[in-house]
């Protein structure tokens, strides 16, 4: 899904923005806690997730954003994903859109945050 959301090459932050958009795209199967819990017990799946996570990290690390900026966004996306699993449906659509838009806004500049 992430690759389908990519902007043209040589656009700083394109991988990070694609990851943000993918995180906020509803996926009913993967957002159901019982499905995720069951699948995380499958060693082969965990290995694939580890490989995918390493690939995503390489993509965002070489995305043209300052590492500080990329790391904050990545950790925020982890939090969004975890919140979706633990407190499913608790956040309003407007709140989700605001969080997504804020994270996207953070990719508009490439320098350090502070």
C-alpha atoms as a PDB file:
ATOM      1  CA  UNK A   1       0.000   0.000   0.000  1.00  0.00           C
ATOM      2  CA  UNK A   2       2.810   2.407   0.872  1.00  0.00           C
ATOM      3  CA  UNK A   3       4.290   2.217  -2.625  1.00  0.00           C
ATOM      4  CA  UNK A   4       0.936   3.098  -4.178  1.00  0.00           C
ATOM      5  CA  UNK A   5       0.925   6.321  -2.127  1.00  0.00           C
ATOM      6  CA  UNK A   6       4.392   7.511  -3.170  1.00  0.00           C
ATOM      7  CA  UNK A   7       4.934  10.902  -4.743  1.00  0.00           C
ATOM      8  CA  UNK A   8       7.382  11.381  -7.636  1.00  0.00           C
ATOM      9  CA  UNK A   9      11.026  10.467  -7.005  1.00  0.00           C
ATOM     10  CA  UNK A  10      13.447  13.089  -5.680  1.00  0.00           C
ATOM     11  CA  UNK A  11      10.717  14.593  -3.508  1.00  0.00           C
ATOM     12  CA  UNK A  12      12.078  14.904   0.053  1.00  0.00           C
ATOM     13  CA  UNK A  13       9.845  13.144   2.573  1.00  0.00           C
ATOM     14  CA  UNK A  14       7.942  11.091   0.005  1.00  0.00           C
ATOM     15  CA  UNK A  15       8.397   7.763   1.832  1.00  0.00           C
ATOM     16  CA  UNK A  16       7.481   9.322   5.152  1.00  0.00           C
ATOM     17  CA  UNK A  17       4.324  10.907   3.728  1.00  0.00           C
ATOM     18  CA  UNK A  18       3.357   7.594   2.106  1.00  0.00           C
ATOM     19  CA  UNK A  19       3.783   5.845   5.476  1.00  0.00           C
ATOM     20  CA  UNK A  20       1.671   8.519   7.168  1.00  0.00           C
ATOM     21  CA  UNK A  21      -1.106   8.171   4.598  1.00  0.00           C
ATOM     22  CA  UNK A  22      -1.001   4.364   4.806  1.00  0.00           C
ATOM     23  CA  UNK A  23      -1.225   4.464   8.601  1.00  0.00           C
ATOM     24  CA  UNK A  24      -4.360   6.578   8.429  1.00  0.00           C
ATOM     25  CA  UNK A  25      -6.001   4.528   5.656  1.00  0.00           C
ATOM     26  CA  UNK A  26      -8.646   2.277   7.223  1.00  0.00           C
ATOM     27  CA  UNK A  27      -7.902  -1.428   7.027  1.00  0.00           C
ATOM     28  CA  UNK A  28     -10.559  -3.312   8.936  1.00  0.00           C
ATOM     29  CA  UNK A  29      -8.758  -6.656   9.048  1.00  0.00           C
ATOM     30  CA  UNK A  30      -5.413  -5.353  10.343  1.00  0.00           C
ATOM     31  CA  UNK A  31      -7.037  -2.977  12.815  1.00  0.00           C
ATOM     32  CA  UNK A  32      -8.875  -5.744  14.657  1.00  0.00           C
ATOM     33  CA  UNK A  33      -6.990  -6.590  17.886  1.00  0.00           C
ATOM     34  CA  UNK A  34      -7.828 -10.298  17.878  1.00  0.00           C
ATOM     35  CA  UNK A  35      -6.505 -10.758  14.333  1.00  0.00           C
ATOM     36  CA  UNK A  36      -3.270  -8.932  15.112  1.00  0.00           C
ATOM     37  CA  UNK A  37      -2.796 -10.820  18.386  1.00  0.00           C
ATOM     38  CA  UNK A  38      -3.312 -14.177  16.697  1.00  0.00           C
ATOM     39  CA  UNK A  39      -0.973 -13.387  13.832  1.00  0.00           C
ATOM     40  CA  UNK A  40       1.811 -12.063  16.054  1.00  0.00           C
ATOM     41  CA  UNK A  41       2.117 -15.576  17.485  1.00  0.00           C
ATOM     42  CA  UNK A  42       3.199 -16.899  14.080  1.00  0.00           C
ATOM     43  CA  UNK A  43       7.050 -16.814  13.996  1.00  0.00           C
ATOM     44  CA  UNK A  44       7.233 -16.567  10.211  1.00  0.00           C
ATOM     45  CA  UNK A  45       4.982 -13.527  10.230  1.00  0.00           C
ATOM     46  CA  UNK A  46       7.060 -11.859  12.934  1.00  0.00           C
ATOM     47  CA  UNK A  47      10.166 -12.405  10.794  1.00  0.00           C
ATOM     48  CA  UNK A  48       8.439 -10.793   7.824  1.00  0.00           C
ATOM     49  CA  UNK A  49       7.327  -7.875   9.981  1.00  0.00           C
ATOM     50  CA  UNK A  50      10.902  -7.407  11.199  1.00  0.00           C
ATOM     51  CA  UNK A  51      12.181  -7.350   7.606  1.00  0.00           C
ATOM     52  CA  UNK A  52       9.441  -4.892   6.598  1.00  0.00           C
ATOM     53  CA  UNK A  53      10.177  -2.652   9.600  1.00  0.00           C
ATOM     54  CA  UNK A  54      13.875  -2.577   8.698  1.00  0.00           C
ATOM     55  CA  UNK A  55      12.984  -1.690   5.092  1.00  0.00           C
ATOM     56  CA  UNK A  56      10.626   1.095   6.226  1.00  0.00           C
ATOM     57  CA  UNK A  57      13.338   2.457   8.514  1.00  0.00           C
ATOM     58  CA  UNK A  58      15.872   2.513   5.650  1.00  0.00           C
ATOM     59  CA  UNK A  59      13.333   4.262   3.423  1.00  0.00           C
ATOM     60  CA  UNK A  60      12.527   6.982   5.927  1.00  0.00           C
ATOM     61  CA  UNK A  61      16.170   7.357   7.013  1.00  0.00           C
ATOM     62  CA  UNK A  62      17.172   8.099   3.409  1.00  0.00           C
ATOM     63  CA  UNK A  63      14.098  10.195   2.687  1.00  0.00           C
ATOM     64  CA  UNK A  64      15.745  13.598   2.855  1.00  0.00           C
ATOM     65  CA  UNK A  65      14.311  14.572   6.244  1.00  0.00           C
ATOM     66  CA  UNK A  66      16.488  15.329   9.241  1.00  0.00           C
ATOM     67  CA  UNK A  67      16.811  12.147  11.384  1.00  0.00           C
ATOM     68  CA  UNK A  68      15.234  13.944  14.348  1.00  0.00           C
ATOM     69  CA  UNK A  69      12.165  14.813  12.279  1.00  0.00           C
ATOM     70  CA  UNK A  70      11.902  11.331  10.733  1.00  0.00           C
ATOM     71  CA  UNK A  71      12.263   9.624  14.124  1.00  0.00           C
ATOM     72  CA  UNK A  72       9.546  11.728  15.766  1.00  0.00           C
ATOM     73  CA  UNK A  73       7.128  11.027  12.920  1.00  0.00           C
ATOM     74  CA  UNK A  74       7.942   7.307  12.963  1.00  0.00           C
ATOM     75  CA  UNK A  75       7.342   7.086  16.712  1.00  0.00           C
ATOM     76  CA  UNK A  76       4.098   9.031  16.376  1.00  0.00           C
ATOM     77  CA  UNK A  77       2.907   6.560  13.720  1.00  0.00           C
ATOM     78  CA  UNK A  78       3.745   3.679  16.071  1.00  0.00           C
ATOM     79  CA  UNK A  79       1.601   5.385  18.711  1.00  0.00           C
ATOM     80  CA  UNK A  80      -1.286   5.878  16.287  1.00  0.00           C
ATOM     81  CA  UNK A  81      -1.145   2.209  15.320  1.00  0.00           C
ATOM     82  CA  UNK A  82      -1.083   1.062  18.930  1.00  0.00           C
ATOM     83  CA  UNK A  83      -3.923   3.411  19.876  1.00  0.00           C
ATOM     84  CA  UNK A  84      -5.969   2.029  16.981  1.00  0.00           C
ATOM     85  CA  UNK A  85      -5.511  -1.474  18.394  1.00  0.00           C
ATOM     86  CA  UNK A  86      -6.081  -0.660  22.048  1.00  0.00           C
ATOM     87  CA  UNK A  87      -8.732   2.053  21.839  1.00  0.00           C
ATOM     88  CA  UNK A  88     -10.395   1.246  18.553  1.00  0.00           C
ATOM     89  CA  UNK A  89     -12.998   3.803  17.517  1.00  0.00           C
ATOM     90  CA  UNK A  90     -12.287   6.165  20.416  1.00  0.00           C
ATOM     91  CA  UNK A  91     -10.885   8.976  18.292  1.00  0.00           C
ATOM     92  CA  UNK A  92     -13.180  11.082  16.141  1.00  0.00           C
ATOM     93  CA  UNK A  93     -12.630  11.167  12.381  1.00  0.00           C
ATOM     94  CA  UNK A  94     -11.802  14.869  12.745  1.00  0.00           C
ATOM     95  CA  UNK A  95      -9.179  14.119  15.412  1.00  0.00           C
ATOM     96  CA  UNK A  96      -7.575  11.466  13.207  1.00  0.00           C
ATOM     97  CA  UNK A  97      -7.531  13.839  10.243  1.00  0.00           C
ATOM     98  CA  UNK A  98      -5.921  16.571  12.362  1.00  0.00           C
ATOM     99  CA  UNK A  99      -3.212  14.185  13.571  1.00  0.00           C
ATOM    100  CA  UNK A 100      -2.556  12.979  10.014  1.00  0.00           C
ATOM    101  CA  UNK A 101      -2.401  16.541   8.697  1.00  0.00           C
ATOM    102  CA  UNK A 102      -0.027  17.613  11.484  1.00  0.00           C
ATOM    103  CA  UNK A 103       2.338  14.735  10.714  1.00  0.00           C
ATOM    104  CA  UNK A 104       2.178  15.532   6.994  1.00  0.00           C
ATOM    105  CA  UNK A 105       2.940  19.177   7.812  1.00  0.00           C
ATOM    106  CA  UNK A 106       6.074  18.075   9.660  1.00  0.00           C
ATOM    107  CA  UNK A 107       7.404  16.669   6.360  1.00  0.00           C
ATOM    108  CA  UNK A 108       7.182  19.998   4.566  1.00  0.00           C
ATOM    109  CA  UNK A 109      10.497  21.083   6.039  1.00  0.00           C
ATOM    110  CA  UNK A 110      13.607  18.940   6.044  1.00  0.00           C
ATOM    111  CA  UNK A 111      15.674  20.423   8.861  1.00  0.00           C
ATOM    112  CA  UNK A 112      15.845  19.543  12.555  1.00  0.00           C
ATOM    113  CA  UNK A 113      12.822  20.218  14.737  1.00  0.00           C
ATOM    114  CA  UNK A 114      14.748  22.096  17.416  1.00  0.00           C
END
